[in-house]
């Protein structure tokens, strides 16, 4: 364990050591944060944006508010969802495209349930 701490100087050396040595821990921590937190989040965000752009009529979706519905109308920024029926009438709601959280994979393959 002492071997690992010997590689990372925690403070500048009083005998006139390199001032760069004080920045090594900051650089290492930044690199670890990038690899463990920032990069995976960027990948997840790109995947979500691609999924939202690919939503089309007939897809089953879930909104961030928890509504489950089938897309029956598509415009640039607004989707019309059919969320059920009451007494023979279908209930339709309009939802902003950015509020879609999940697209059912089975509806993408053409499987209707």
Protein backbone atom coordinates (compact mmCIF):
# COMPACT_ATOMS: atom_id res chain seq x y z
CA UNK A 1 0.00 0.00 0.00
CA UNK A 2 2.86 2.38 0.75
CA UNK A 3 4.13 1.70 -2.76
CA UNK A 4 1.00 3.31 -4.28
CA UNK A 5 1.18 6.39 -2.08
CA UNK A 6 4.86 6.77 -2.88
CA UNK A 7 4.01 7.29 -6.55
CA UNK A 8 1.70 10.24 -5.90
CA UNK A 9 3.30 13.16 -4.10
CA UNK A 10 0.67 14.83 -1.94
CA UNK A 11 2.56 18.10 -1.55
CA UNK A 12 5.42 19.93 -3.23
CA UNK A 13 8.88 18.90 -2.07
CA UNK A 14 10.47 21.48 0.28
CA UNK A 15 13.91 20.92 -1.24
CA UNK A 16 13.01 22.67 -4.50
CA UNK A 17 11.33 19.74 -6.26
CA UNK A 18 9.39 20.09 -9.47
CA UNK A 19 6.30 22.32 -9.19
CA UNK A 20 4.63 19.95 -11.68
CA UNK A 21 4.59 17.28 -8.97
CA UNK A 22 1.85 19.16 -7.12
CA UNK A 23 -0.45 18.91 -10.14
CA UNK A 24 -0.09 15.14 -10.67
CA UNK A 25 -2.85 14.19 -8.18
CA UNK A 26 -5.25 16.71 -9.71
CA UNK A 27 -4.54 15.36 -13.21
CA UNK A 28 -5.04 11.75 -12.02
CA UNK A 29 -8.33 12.53 -10.27
CA UNK A 30 -9.62 14.39 -13.34
CA UNK A 31 -8.69 11.43 -15.56
CA UNK A 32 -10.46 8.96 -13.24
CA UNK A 33 -13.61 11.14 -13.14
CA UNK A 34 -13.62 11.34 -16.93
CA UNK A 35 -13.28 7.59 -17.39
CA UNK A 36 -15.75 6.56 -14.67
CA UNK A 37 -18.40 9.30 -14.76
CA UNK A 38 -18.31 11.72 -17.67
CA UNK A 39 -17.63 9.38 -20.62
CA UNK A 40 -20.31 6.78 -19.75
CA UNK A 41 -22.88 9.56 -19.22
CA UNK A 42 -22.06 11.08 -22.62
CA UNK A 43 -22.53 7.67 -24.29
CA UNK A 44 -25.85 7.17 -22.53
CA UNK A 45 -27.05 10.63 -23.58
CA UNK A 46 -26.13 10.06 -27.24
CA UNK A 47 -27.97 6.71 -27.22
CA UNK A 48 -31.09 8.33 -25.69
CA UNK A 49 -31.06 11.17 -28.27
CA UNK A 50 -30.77 8.68 -31.15
CA UNK A 51 -33.65 6.63 -29.72
CA UNK A 52 -35.88 9.71 -29.39
CA UNK A 53 -35.14 10.83 -32.97
CA UNK A 54 -36.06 7.36 -34.26
CA UNK A 55 -39.56 7.30 -32.69
CA UNK A 56 -42.19 6.74 -35.37
CA UNK A 57 -45.89 5.87 -35.66
CA UNK A 58 -46.82 2.57 -34.09
CA UNK A 59 -44.07 2.56 -31.44
CA UNK A 60 -45.00 1.89 -27.83
CA UNK A 61 -43.35 4.46 -25.57
CA UNK A 62 -43.09 5.47 -21.92
CA UNK A 63 -42.89 9.16 -20.98
CA UNK A 64 -40.89 10.63 -18.11
CA UNK A 65 -44.22 11.11 -16.32
CA UNK A 66 -44.93 7.39 -16.53
CA UNK A 67 -47.58 7.37 -19.27
CA UNK A 68 -47.53 4.29 -21.48
CA UNK A 69 -48.94 4.75 -24.95
CA UNK A 70 -48.75 4.07 -28.63
CA UNK A 71 -47.53 6.78 -31.00
CA UNK A 72 -50.27 7.67 -33.48
CA UNK A 73 -48.99 11.04 -34.69
CA UNK A 74 -45.52 12.50 -35.20
CA UNK A 75 -44.33 16.06 -35.80
CA UNK A 76 -40.91 17.60 -35.28
CA UNK A 77 -41.26 18.28 -31.55
CA UNK A 78 -44.63 16.77 -30.55
CA UNK A 79 -45.84 13.17 -30.46
CA UNK A 80 -49.51 12.21 -30.19
CA UNK A 81 -50.02 9.16 -27.99
CA UNK A 82 -53.02 6.86 -27.68
CA UNK A 83 -53.06 5.92 -23.99
CA UNK A 84 -56.30 3.93 -23.77
CA UNK A 85 -60.02 4.12 -24.17
CA UNK A 86 -63.12 4.92 -22.14
CA UNK A 87 -66.65 4.01 -23.28
CA UNK A 88 -65.55 3.43 -26.87
CA UNK A 89 -63.58 6.67 -27.19
CA UNK A 90 -59.78 6.67 -27.45
CA UNK A 91 -57.79 8.95 -25.16
CA UNK A 92 -55.09 10.88 -27.01
CA UNK A 93 -52.44 13.11 -25.46
CA UNK A 94 -49.74 15.26 -26.99
CA UNK A 95 -46.27 14.91 -25.52
CA UNK A 96 -43.03 16.75 -26.24
CA UNK A 97 -40.58 14.48 -28.02
CA UNK A 98 -37.92 15.23 -25.38
CA UNK A 99 -40.14 13.78 -22.64
CA UNK A 100 -39.93 10.25 -24.05
CA UNK A 101 -37.95 8.06 -21.68
CA UNK A 102 -38.20 4.63 -23.24
CA UNK A 103 -39.24 2.99 -26.51
CA UNK A 104 -40.48 -0.59 -26.36
CA UNK A 105 -38.08 -2.79 -28.34
CA UNK A 106 -40.88 -5.20 -29.35
CA UNK A 107 -42.76 -2.41 -31.14
CA UNK A 108 -39.64 -1.57 -33.14
CA UNK A 109 -39.54 -5.13 -34.52
CA UNK A 110 -43.16 -4.93 -35.62
CA UNK A 111 -44.57 -7.16 -32.85
CA UNK A 112 -47.97 -5.80 -31.86
CA UNK A 113 -49.40 -6.74 -28.47
